[in-house]
PDB file of N, CA and C in Angstrom:
ATOM      1  N   MET A   1     -21.793 233.459 114.224  1.00  0.00           N
ATOM      2  CA  MET A   1     -21.183 232.850 113.030  1.00  0.00           C
ATOM      3  C   MET A   1     -20.699 231.762 113.294  1.00  0.00           C
ATOM      4  N   LYS A   2     -21.076 231.088 111.994  1.00  0.00           N
ATOM      5  CA  LYS A   2     -20.767 229.332 112.065  1.00  0.00           C
ATOM      6  C   LYS A   2     -19.220 229.589 111.689  1.00  0.00           C
ATOM      7  N   GLU A   3     -18.403 228.601 112.467  1.00  0.00           N
ATOM      8  CA  GLU A   3     -17.256 227.759 111.938  1.00  0.00           C
ATOM      9  C   GLU A   3     -16.849 227.499 110.785  1.00  0.00           C
ATOM     10  N   ILE A   4     -15.964 228.019 109.994  1.00  0.00           N
ATOM     11  CA  ILE A   4     -15.557 227.463 108.767  1.00  0.00           C
ATOM     12  C   ILE A   4     -14.353 226.413 108.900  1.00  0.00           C
ATOM     13  N   ILE A   5     -14.384 225.409 108.215  1.00  0.00           N
ATOM     14  CA  ILE A   5     -13.382 224.204 108.864  1.00  0.00           C
ATOM     15  C   ILE A   5     -13.025 223.894 107.471  1.00  0.00           C
ATOM     16  N   ASN A   6     -11.915 223.557 107.364  1.00  0.00           N
ATOM     17  CA  ASN A   6     -10.901 223.229 106.289  1.00  0.00           C
ATOM     18  C   ASN A   6     -10.953 221.680 106.657  1.00  0.00           C
ATOM     19  N   LEU A   7     -11.263 220.817 106.033  1.00  0.00           N
ATOM     20  CA  LEU A   7     -10.823 219.270 106.315  1.00  0.00           C
ATOM     21  C   LEU A   7      -9.478 219.129 106.230  1.00  0.00           C
ATOM     22  N   LEU A   8      -8.883 219.721 105.182  1.00  0.00           N
ATOM     23  CA  LEU A   8      -7.433 219.072 105.065  1.00  0.00           C
ATOM     24  C   LEU A   8      -6.738 219.986 106.054  1.00  0.00           C
ATOM     25  N   ASN A   9      -6.976 220.725 106.830  1.00  0.00           N
ATOM     26  CA  ASN A   9      -6.028 221.737 107.716  1.00  0.00           C
ATOM     27  C   ASN A   9      -5.360 220.850 108.603  1.00  0.00           C
ATOM     28  N   ASN A  10      -3.770 220.675 109.110  1.00  0.00           N
ATOM     29  CA  ASN A  10      -3.477 219.687 109.864  1.00  0.00           C
ATOM     30  C   ASN A  10      -3.190 220.097 111.410  1.00  0.00           C
ATOM     31  N   THR A  11      -4.551 220.777 111.703  1.00  0.00           N
ATOM     32  CA  THR A  11      -4.488 221.368 113.206  1.00  0.00           C
ATOM     33  C   THR A  11      -5.768 220.493 113.881  1.00  0.00           C
ATOM     34  N   LYS A  12      -5.663 220.470 115.278  1.00  0.00           N
ATOM     35  CA  LYS A  12      -6.771 219.953 115.854  1.00  0.00           C
ATOM     36  C   LYS A  12      -7.100 218.184 115.878  1.00  0.00           C
ATOM     37  N   TRP A  13      -6.257 217.852 115.523  1.00  0.00           N
ATOM     38  CA  TRP A  13      -5.909 215.888 115.644  1.00  0.00           C
ATOM     39  C   TRP A  13      -5.674 215.851 116.875  1.00  0.00           C
ATOM     40  N   SER A  14      -6.307 214.490 117.390  1.00  0.00           N
ATOM     41  CA  SER A  14      -6.232 213.939 118.528  1.00  0.00           C
ATOM     42  C   SER A  14      -5.745 212.137 118.142  1.00  0.00           C
ATOM     43  N   ASP A  15      -5.343 211.771 119.345  1.00  0.00           N
ATOM     44  CA  ASP A  15      -5.189 210.419 119.398  1.00  0.00           C
ATOM     45  C   ASP A  15      -6.541 209.491 119.261  1.00  0.00           C
ATOM     46  N   ALA A  16      -6.753 208.622 118.640  1.00  0.00           N
ATOM     47  CA  ALA A  16      -8.376 208.236 118.609  1.00  0.00           C
ATOM     48  C   ALA A  16      -8.001 206.240 119.432  1.00  0.00           C
ATOM     49  N   PRO A  17      -8.050 206.613 120.819  1.00  0.00           N
ATOM     50  CA  PRO A  17      -8.054 205.284 121.555  1.00  0.00           C
ATOM     51  C   PRO A  17      -8.860 204.312 120.997  1.00  0.00           C
ATOM     52  N   GLU A  18      -9.932 204.264 120.442  1.00  0.00           N
ATOM     53  CA  GLU A  18     -10.935 203.881 120.396  1.00  0.00           C
ATOM     54  C   GLU A  18     -10.665 202.645 119.132  1.00  0.00           C
ATOM     55  N   TYR A  19      -9.767 203.451 118.549  1.00  0.00           N
ATOM     56  CA  TYR A  19      -9.083 202.862 116.891  1.00  0.00           C
ATOM     57  C   TYR A  19      -7.816 201.927 117.608  1.00  0.00           C
ATOM     58  N   PRO A  20      -7.364 201.150 116.384  1.00  0.00           N
ATOM     59  CA  PRO A  20      -5.757 200.700 116.404  1.00  0.00           C
ATOM     60  C   PRO A  20      -4.926 201.903 116.679  1.00  0.00           C
ATOM     61  N   LEU A  21      -4.011 201.422 117.085  1.00  0.00           N
ATOM     62  CA  LEU A  21      -2.835 202.217 117.789  1.00  0.00           C
ATOM     63  C   LEU A  21      -2.364 203.150 116.160  1.00  0.00           C
ATOM     64  N   GLY A  22      -2.086 204.118 116.526  1.00  0.00           N
ATOM     65  CA  GLY A  22      -1.662 205.378 115.290  1.00  0.00           C
ATOM     66  C   GLY A  22      -2.906 206.074 114.714  1.00  0.00           C
ATOM     67  N   THR A  23      -3.981 205.593 114.979  1.00  0.00           N
ATOM     68  CA  THR A  23      -5.024 206.279 114.467  1.00  0.00           C
ATOM     69  C   THR A  23      -5.311 207.463 114.967  1.00  0.00           C
ATOM     70  N   LYS A  24      -5.629 208.725 114.198  1.00  0.00           N
ATOM     71  CA  LYS A  24      -5.978 209.925 114.451  1.00  0.00           C
ATOM     72  C   LYS A  24      -7.330 210.327 114.374  1.00  0.00           C
ATOM     73  N   LYS A  25      -7.995 211.284 115.118  1.00  0.00           N
ATOM     74  CA  LYS A  25      -9.562 211.416 114.616  1.00  0.00           C
ATOM     75  C   LYS A  25      -9.279 213.242 115.065  1.00  0.00           C
ATOM     76  N   ARG A  26     -10.259 213.951 114.300  1.00  0.00           N
ATOM     77  CA  ARG A  26     -10.534 215.250 114.205  1.00  0.00           C
ATOM     78  C   ARG A  26     -12.261 215.283 114.435  1.00  0.00           C
ATOM     79  N   VAL A  27     -12.969 215.695 115.536  1.00  0.00           N
ATOM     80  CA  VAL A  27     -14.393 215.515 115.723  1.00  0.00           C
ATOM     81  C   VAL A  27     -14.471 216.920 114.806  1.00  0.00           C
ATOM     82  N   LEU A  28     -15.742 216.945 113.820  1.00  0.00           N
ATOM     83  CA  LEU A  28     -15.974 217.805 113.183  1.00  0.00           C
ATOM     84  C   LEU A  28     -17.464 218.351 113.730  1.00  0.00           C
ATOM     85  N   HIS A  29     -18.090 217.482 114.296  1.00  0.00           N
ATOM     86  CA  HIS A  29     -19.391 217.626 114.724  1.00  0.00           C
ATOM     87  C   HIS A  29     -20.020 216.408 115.594  1.00  0.00           C
ATOM     88  N   ASP A  30     -20.645 216.817 116.854  1.00  0.00           N
ATOM     89  CA  ASP A  30     -21.456 216.112 117.529  1.00  0.00           C
ATOM     90  C   ASP A  30     -22.597 216.492 118.470  1.00  0.00           C
ATOM     91  N   GLU A  31     -23.615 216.150 118.000  1.00  0.00           N
ATOM     92  CA  GLU A  31     -24.863 216.666 118.646  1.00  0.00           C
ATOM     93  C   GLU A  31     -25.994 215.780 117.997  1.00  0.00           C
ATOM     94  N   ASN A  32     -26.716 215.982 119.240  1.00  0.00           N
ATOM     95  CA  ASN A  32     -28.117 215.077 119.072  1.00  0.00           C
ATOM     96  C   ASN A  32     -28.270 213.525 118.384  1.00  0.00           C
ATOM     97  N   GLY A  33     -26.918 213.013 118.536  1.00  0.00           N
ATOM     98  CA  GLY A  33     -27.011 211.518 117.937  1.00  0.00           C
ATOM     99  C   GLY A  33     -26.312 211.741 116.580  1.00  0.00           C
ATOM    100  N   VAL A  34     -25.732 213.066 116.181  1.00  0.00           N
ATOM    101  CA  VAL A  34     -24.869 212.999 114.456  1.00  0.00           C
ATOM    102  C   VAL A  34     -23.647 213.346 115.055  1.00  0.00           C
ATOM    103  N   LYS A  35     -22.807 212.459 114.752  1.00  0.00           N
ATOM    104  CA  LYS A  35     -21.175 212.626 114.707  1.00  0.00           C
ATOM    105  C   LYS A  35     -20.662 212.649 113.391  1.00  0.00           C
ATOM    106  N   THR A  36     -19.837 213.563 113.252  1.00  0.00           N
ATOM    107  CA  THR A  36     -19.026 213.673 111.915  1.00  0.00           C
ATOM    108  C   THR A  36     -17.263 213.780 112.263  1.00  0.00           C
ATOM    109  N   VAL A  37     -16.594 212.561 112.064  1.00  0.00           N
ATOM    110  CA  VAL A  37     -15.249 212.732 112.328  1.00  0.00           C
ATOM    111  C   VAL A  37     -14.503 212.370 111.347  1.00  0.00           C
ATOM    112  N   LEU A  38     -13.263 213.334 111.206  1.00  0.00           N
ATOM    113  CA  LEU A  38     -12.382 212.736 109.988  1.00  0.00           C
ATOM    114  C   LEU A  38     -11.404 211.563 110.775  1.00  0.00           C
ATOM    115  N   LEU A  39     -10.915 210.542 110.543  1.00  0.00           N
ATOM    116  CA  LEU A  39     -10.108 209.987 110.750  1.00  0.00           C
ATOM    117  C   LEU A  39      -8.930 209.386 109.835  1.00  0.00           C
ATOM    118  N   LYS A  40      -7.878 209.802 110.233  1.00  0.00           N
ATOM    119  CA  LYS A  40      -6.300 209.351 109.740  1.00  0.00           C
ATOM    120  C   LYS A  40      -5.799 208.075 110.102  1.00  0.00           C
ATOM    121  N   LEU A  41      -6.090 207.024 108.854  1.00  0.00           N
ATOM    122  CA  LEU A  41      -5.577 205.774 109.414  1.00  0.00           C
ATOM    123  C   LEU A  41      -4.185 205.882 108.932  1.00  0.00           C
ATOM    124  N   PRO A  42      -3.474 205.179 109.998  1.00  0.00           N
ATOM    125  CA  PRO A  42      -2.012 205.047 109.705  1.00  0.00           C
ATOM    126  C   PRO A  42      -1.601 203.840 108.804  1.00  0.00           C
ATOM    127  N   GLU A  43      -0.557 204.074 108.449  1.00  0.00           N
ATOM    128  CA  GLU A  43       0.155 202.557 107.291  1.00  0.00           C
ATOM    129  C   GLU A  43      -0.127 201.592 108.002  1.00  0.00           C
ATOM    130  N   GLY A  44      -0.588 200.367 107.507  1.00  0.00           N
ATOM    131  CA  GLY A  44      -0.874 199.296 108.313  1.00  0.00           C
ATOM    132  C   GLY A  44      -1.846 198.909 109.394  1.00  0.00           C
ATOM    133  N   PHE A  45      -3.099 199.632 109.293  1.00  0.00           N
ATOM    134  CA  PHE A  45      -3.944 200.131 109.931  1.00  0.00           C
ATOM    135  C   PHE A  45      -4.880 198.615 109.690  1.00  0.00           C
ATOM    136  N   TYR A  46      -5.586 198.146 110.902  1.00  0.00           N
ATOM    137  CA  TYR A  46      -6.486 196.743 110.423  1.00  0.00           C
ATOM    138  C   TYR A  46      -7.282 196.810 111.667  1.00  0.00           C
ATOM    139  N   MET A  47      -8.748 196.743 111.366  1.00  0.00           N
ATOM    140  CA  MET A  47     -10.220 196.582 112.699  1.00  0.00           C
ATOM    141  C   MET A  47     -10.645 195.706 112.159  1.00  0.00           C
ATOM    142  N   GLU A  48     -10.913 194.912 113.121  1.00  0.00           N
ATOM    143  CA  GLU A  48     -12.073 193.867 112.862  1.00  0.00           C
ATOM    144  C   GLU A  48     -13.297 194.166 112.547  1.00  0.00           C
ATOM    145  N   ALA A  49     -14.164 193.458 111.848  1.00  0.00           N
ATOM    146  CA  ALA A  49     -15.458 193.702 111.487  1.00  0.00           C
ATOM    147  C   ALA A  49     -16.265 194.306 112.635  1.00  0.00           C
ATOM    148  N   HIS A  50     -17.200 195.002 112.377  1.00  0.00           N
ATOM    149  CA  HIS A  50     -18.214 195.492 114.120  1.00  0.00           C
ATOM    150  C   HIS A  50     -19.469 195.800 113.256  1.00  0.00           C
ATOM    151  N   SER A  51     -20.111 196.355 114.264  1.00  0.00           N
ATOM    152  CA  SER A  51     -21.363 197.479 113.788  1.00  0.00           C
ATOM    153  C   SER A  51     -21.852 198.407 115.049  1.00  0.00           C
ATOM    154  N   HIS A  52     -22.611 199.147 114.875  1.00  0.00           N
ATOM    155  CA  HIS A  52     -23.062 200.068 115.530  1.00  0.00           C
ATOM    156  C   HIS A  52     -24.418 200.427 115.577  1.00  0.00           C
ATOM    157  N   ILE A  53     -24.756 200.990 116.767  1.00  0.00           N
ATOM    158  CA  ILE A  53     -26.082 201.246 116.807  1.00  0.00           C
ATOM    159  C   ILE A  53     -26.956 202.363 116.106  1.00  0.00           C
ATOM    160  N   ASN A  54     -26.084 202.792 115.631  1.00  0.00           N
ATOM    161  CA  ASN A  54     -26.383 204.000 114.517  1.00  0.00           C
ATOM    162  C   ASN A  54     -26.060 203.767 113.113  1.00  0.00           C
ATOM    163  N   ALA A  55     -26.489 204.055 112.305  1.00  0.00           N
ATOM    164  CA  ALA A  55     -26.104 204.630 111.105  1.00  0.00           C
ATOM    165  C   ALA A  55     -24.937 205.135 110.837  1.00  0.00           C
ATOM    166  N   GLU A  56     -24.076 204.686 109.578  1.00  0.00           N
ATOM    167  CA  GLU A  56     -22.668 205.429 109.337  1.00  0.00           C
ATOM    168  C   GLU A  56     -22.615 205.622 107.852  1.00  0.00           C
ATOM    169  N   GLN A  57     -21.811 206.427 107.653  1.00  0.00           N
ATOM    170  CA  GLN A  57     -21.301 206.481 106.277  1.00  0.00           C
ATOM    171  C   GLN A  57     -20.005 206.854 105.946  1.00  0.00           C
ATOM    172  N   HIS A  58     -19.208 206.559 105.140  1.00  0.00           N
ATOM    173  CA  HIS A  58     -17.620 206.441 105.072  1.00  0.00           C
ATOM    174  C   HIS A  58     -17.262 207.424 103.897  1.00  0.00           C
ATOM    175  N   PHE A  59     -16.685 208.246 103.686  1.00  0.00           N
ATOM    176  CA  PHE A  59     -16.170 209.088 102.428  1.00  0.00           C
ATOM    177  C   PHE A  59     -15.000 209.136 102.399  1.00  0.00           C
ATOM    178  N   LEU A  60     -14.277 208.208 101.326  1.00  0.00           N
ATOM    179  CA  LEU A  60     -12.611 208.161 101.575  1.00  0.00           C
ATOM    180  C   LEU A  60     -12.378 209.070 100.524  1.00  0.00           C
ATOM    181  N   LEU A  61     -11.460 210.363 101.436  1.00  0.00           N
ATOM    182  CA  LEU A  61     -10.779 211.464 100.725  1.00  0.00           C
ATOM    183  C   LEU A  61      -9.427 211.404 100.365  1.00  0.00           C
ATOM    184  N   LYS A  62      -8.525 210.468 100.843  1.00  0.00           N
ATOM    185  CA  LYS A  62      -7.270 210.350 100.413  1.00  0.00           C
ATOM    186  C   LYS A  62      -7.056 208.639 100.974  1.00  0.00           C
ATOM    187  N   GLY A  63      -5.940 208.236  99.944  1.00  0.00           N
ATOM    188  CA  GLY A  63      -5.653 206.763 100.326  1.00  0.00           C
ATOM    189  C   GLY A  63      -6.380 205.666  99.757  1.00  0.00           C
ATOM    190  N   GLU A  64      -6.329 204.671 100.482  1.00  0.00           N
ATOM    191  CA  GLU A  64      -7.429 203.253 100.108  1.00  0.00           C
ATOM    192  C   GLU A  64      -7.291 202.702 101.418  1.00  0.00           C
ATOM    193  N   TYR A  65      -8.469 201.670 101.398  1.00  0.00           N
ATOM    194  CA  TYR A  65      -8.548 200.893 102.474  1.00  0.00           C
ATOM    195  C   TYR A  65      -9.177 199.643 101.547  1.00  0.00           C
ATOM    196  N   ILE A  66      -8.782 198.450 102.473  1.00  0.00           N
ATOM    197  CA  ILE A  66      -9.499 196.997 101.938  1.00  0.00           C
ATOM    198  C   ILE A  66     -10.689 196.529 102.879  1.00  0.00           C
ATOM    199  N   SER A  67     -11.510 196.081 102.276  1.00  0.00           N
ATOM    200  CA  SER A  67     -12.630 196.018 103.350  1.00  0.00           C
ATOM    201  C   SER A  67     -13.454 194.727 102.304  1.00  0.00           C
ATOM    202  N   GLU A  68     -13.393 193.817 103.249  1.00  0.00           N
ATOM    203  CA  GLU A  68     -14.303 192.271 102.637  1.00  0.00           C
ATOM    204  C   GLU A  68     -13.656 191.899 101.382  1.00  0.00           C
ATOM    205  N   GLY A  69     -12.321 191.997 101.050  1.00  0.00           N
ATOM    206  CA  GLY A  69     -11.914 191.554  99.898  1.00  0.00           C
ATOM    207  C   GLY A  69     -11.893 192.654  98.886  1.00  0.00           C
ATOM    208  N   LYS A  70     -12.586 193.825  98.914  1.00  0.00           N
ATOM    209  CA  LYS A  70     -12.120 194.766  97.762  1.00  0.00           C
ATOM    210  C   LYS A  70     -11.696 195.799  98.069  1.00  0.00           C
ATOM    211  N   VAL A  71     -11.076 196.571  97.327  1.00  0.00           N
ATOM    212  CA  VAL A  71     -10.256 197.662  97.358  1.00  0.00           C
ATOM    213  C   VAL A  71     -10.956 198.699  97.261  1.00  0.00           C
ATOM    214  N   TYR A  72     -11.184 199.879  98.302  1.00  0.00           N
ATOM    215  CA  TYR A  72     -11.972 201.148  98.004  1.00  0.00           C
ATOM    216  C   TYR A  72     -10.651 202.357  98.142  1.00  0.00           C
ATOM    217  N   ARG A  73     -11.167 203.325  96.692  1.00  0.00           N
ATOM    218  CA  ARG A  73      -9.989 204.060  96.625  1.00  0.00           C
ATOM    219  C   ARG A  73     -10.364 205.610  96.973  1.00  0.00           C
ATOM    220  N   GLU A  74      -9.623 206.697  96.884  1.00  0.00           N
ATOM    221  CA  GLU A  74     -10.031 208.119  96.838  1.00  0.00           C
ATOM    222  C   GLU A  74     -11.514 208.082  95.915  1.00  0.00           C
ATOM    223  N   GLY A  75     -12.507 209.062  96.837  1.00  0.00           N
ATOM    224  CA  GLY A  75     -13.683 209.293  96.134  1.00  0.00           C
ATOM    225  C   GLY A  75     -14.729 208.061  96.442  1.00  0.00           C
ATOM    226  N   THR A  76     -14.671 207.159  97.212  1.00  0.00           N
ATOM    227  CA  THR A  76     -15.484 205.864  97.289  1.00  0.00           C
ATOM    228  C   THR A  76     -16.598 206.368  98.520  1.00  0.00           C
ATOM    229  N   PHE A  77     -17.502 206.045  98.329  1.00  0.00           N
ATOM    230  CA  PHE A  77     -18.689 206.291  99.425  1.00  0.00           C
ATOM    231  C   PHE A  77     -19.008 205.031  99.909  1.00  0.00           C
ATOM    232  N   GLN A  78     -19.202 204.848 101.153  1.00  0.00           N
ATOM    233  CA  GLN A  78     -20.006 203.649 101.428  1.00  0.00           C
ATOM    234  C   GLN A  78     -20.920 204.084 102.625  1.00  0.00           C
ATOM    235  N   SER A  79     -22.238 203.421 102.626  1.00  0.00           N
ATOM    236  CA  SER A  79     -23.240 203.601 103.718  1.00  0.00           C
ATOM    237  C   SER A  79     -23.384 201.951 104.339  1.00  0.00           C
ATOM    238  N   TYR A  80     -23.687 202.230 105.581  1.00  0.00           N
ATOM    239  CA  TYR A  80     -24.280 200.994 106.495  1.00  0.00           C
ATOM    240  C   TYR A  80     -25.274 201.215 107.483  1.00  0.00           C
ATOM    241  N   LYS A  81     -26.086 200.628 107.413  1.00  0.00           N
ATOM    242  CA  LYS A  81     -27.255 200.480 108.232  1.00  0.00           C
ATOM    243  C   LYS A  81     -27.075 200.411 109.749  1.00  0.00           C
ATOM    244  N   ALA A  82     -27.933 201.048 110.878  1.00  0.00           N
ATOM    245  CA  ALA A  82     -27.600 200.572 111.865  1.00  0.00           C
ATOM    246  C   ALA A  82     -27.833 199.182 112.283  1.00  0.00           C
ATOM    247  N   HIS A  83     -26.532 198.445 113.003  1.00  0.00           N
ATOM    248  CA  HIS A  83     -26.399 196.985 113.559  1.00  0.00           C
ATOM    249  C   HIS A  83     -26.193 196.082 112.187  1.00  0.00           C
ATOM    250  N   GLU A  84     -25.600 196.998 111.069  1.00  0.00           N
ATOM    251  CA  GLU A  84     -25.086 196.287 109.998  1.00  0.00           C
ATOM    252  C   GLU A  84     -23.608 195.806 110.126  1.00  0.00           C
ATOM    253  N   ASN A  85     -23.171 194.630 109.957  1.00  0.00           N
ATOM    254  CA  ASN A  85     -22.165 194.405 110.242  1.00  0.00           C
ATOM    255  C   ASN A  85     -20.963 194.663 109.177  1.00  0.00           C
ATOM    256  N   HIS A  86     -19.981 195.328 109.277  1.00  0.00           N
ATOM    257  CA  HIS A  86     -18.970 195.932 108.359  1.00  0.00           C
ATOM    258  C   HIS A  86     -17.697 195.676 108.402  1.00  0.00           C
ATOM    259  N   GLY A  87     -16.700 195.603 107.647  1.00  0.00           N
ATOM    260  CA  GLY A  87     -15.308 195.187 107.944  1.00  0.00           C
ATOM    261  C   GLY A  87     -15.200 193.540 107.611  1.00  0.00           C
ATOM    262  N   PRO A  88     -13.801 193.274 108.012  1.00  0.00           N
ATOM    263  CA  PRO A  88     -12.748 194.153 108.392  1.00  0.00           C
ATOM    264  C   PRO A  88     -12.332 195.195 107.545  1.00  0.00           C
ATOM    265  N   PHE A  89     -11.574 196.520 108.196  1.00  0.00           N
ATOM    266  CA  PHE A  89     -10.900 197.192 107.449  1.00  0.00           C
ATOM    267  C   PHE A  89      -9.393 197.175 107.360  1.00  0.00           C
ATOM    268  N   GLU A  90      -8.579 197.043 106.330  1.00  0.00           N
ATOM    269  CA  GLU A  90      -7.253 197.313 106.168  1.00  0.00           C
ATOM    270  C   GLU A  90      -6.599 198.458 105.532  1.00  0.00           C
ATOM    271  N   SER A  91      -5.794 198.982 105.780  1.00  0.00           N
ATOM    272  CA  SER A  91      -4.898 200.109 105.427  1.00  0.00           C
ATOM    273  C   SER A  91      -3.257 200.173 105.019  1.00  0.00           C
ATOM    274  N   LYS A  92      -2.776 199.609 104.201  1.00  0.00           N
ATOM    275  CA  LYS A  92      -1.569 199.260 103.925  1.00  0.00           C
ATOM    276  C   LYS A  92      -0.827 200.572 104.164  1.00  0.00           C
ATOM    277  N   LYS A  93      -1.294 201.579 103.122  1.00  0.00           N
ATOM    278  CA  LYS A  93      -0.608 202.747 103.063  1.00  0.00           C
ATOM    279  C   LYS A  93      -1.123 204.271 104.286  1.00  0.00           C
ATOM    280  N   GLY A  94      -2.239 203.582 104.593  1.00  0.00           N
ATOM    281  CA  GLY A  94      -2.870 204.966 105.189  1.00  0.00           C
ATOM    282  C   GLY A  94      -4.075 205.616 104.385  1.00  0.00           C
ATOM    283  N   ALA A  95      -4.824 206.127 105.150  1.00  0.00           N
ATOM    284  CA  ALA A  95      -6.123 206.661 104.263  1.00  0.00           C
ATOM    285  C   ALA A  95      -6.544 207.758 105.110  1.00  0.00           C
ATOM    286  N   LEU A  96      -7.408 208.631 104.669  1.00  0.00           N
ATOM    287  CA  LEU A  96      -7.979 209.843 105.325  1.00  0.00           C
ATOM    288  C   LEU A  96      -9.568 209.602 104.935  1.00  0.00           C
ATOM    289  N   VAL A  97     -10.448 209.508 106.172  1.00  0.00           N
ATOM    290  CA  VAL A  97     -11.974 209.175 105.901  1.00  0.00           C
ATOM    291  C   VAL A  97     -12.531 210.003 106.646  1.00  0.00           C
ATOM    292  N   LEU A  98     -13.879 210.455 105.973  1.00  0.00           N
ATOM    293  CA  LEU A  98     -14.722 211.127 106.738  1.00  0.00           C
ATOM    294  C   LEU A  98     -15.684 210.146 107.167  1.00  0.00           C
ATOM    295  N   VAL A  99     -16.297 210.224 108.325  1.00  0.00           N
ATOM    296  CA  VAL A  99     -17.389 209.187 108.991  1.00  0.00           C
ATOM    297  C   VAL A  99     -18.513 210.365 109.776  1.00  0.00           C
ATOM    298  N   ILE A 100     -19.402 209.670 109.278  1.00  0.00           N
ATOM    299  CA  ILE A 100     -20.705 210.454 109.972  1.00  0.00           C
ATOM    300  C   ILE A 100     -21.763 209.005 110.527  1.00  0.00           C
ATOM    301  N   TRP A 101     -21.794 209.577 111.603  1.00  0.00           N
ATOM    302  CA  TRP A 101     -22.834 208.407 112.342  1.00  0.00           C
ATOM    303  C   TRP A 101     -24.223 209.197 112.695  1.00  0.00           C
ATOM    304  N   PHE A 102     -25.390 208.635 112.423  1.00  0.00           N
ATOM    305  CA  PHE A 102     -26.536 209.224 112.554  1.00  0.00           C
ATOM    306  C   PHE A 102     -27.556 208.181 112.942  1.00  0.00           C
ATOM    307  N   PRO A 103     -28.503 208.472 113.795  1.00  0.00           N
ATOM    308  CA  PRO A 103     -29.781 207.765 114.133  1.00  0.00           C
ATOM    309  C   PRO A 103     -30.721 207.112 113.106  1.00  0.00           C
TER     310      PRO A 103
END
C-alpha cells in the first residue's frame, strides 16, 4: 500500500543545511533522479542565483518570495530547465514551496 502524505502535516521536517540557515525540508520522494521536497523558507530567507544539472519546478503553497525583481505569491508555479540560472530568491516573511527536480 502506498503511503498517503499530507503536505501540510507538521511532522518529519529536518534542517536543510544546503540552504540558508533556518530553512527546513521534508523529502517526499527521492528515486531514479526524481526528487520532490517541501521547503519551509524562514523569515529573511535569501539565496543567490544558481543552476542545477536537472530541471526544477516550484509550486508556491504558502507565503511569497521575490526573484529577479518579481513577487511570487501563493499558487504560483515556475519551471526551470536543466542548467538554467535562476534566482536570487528572497522571502521576507517566509514561504512553503514544493520543489521537484527531474532529469
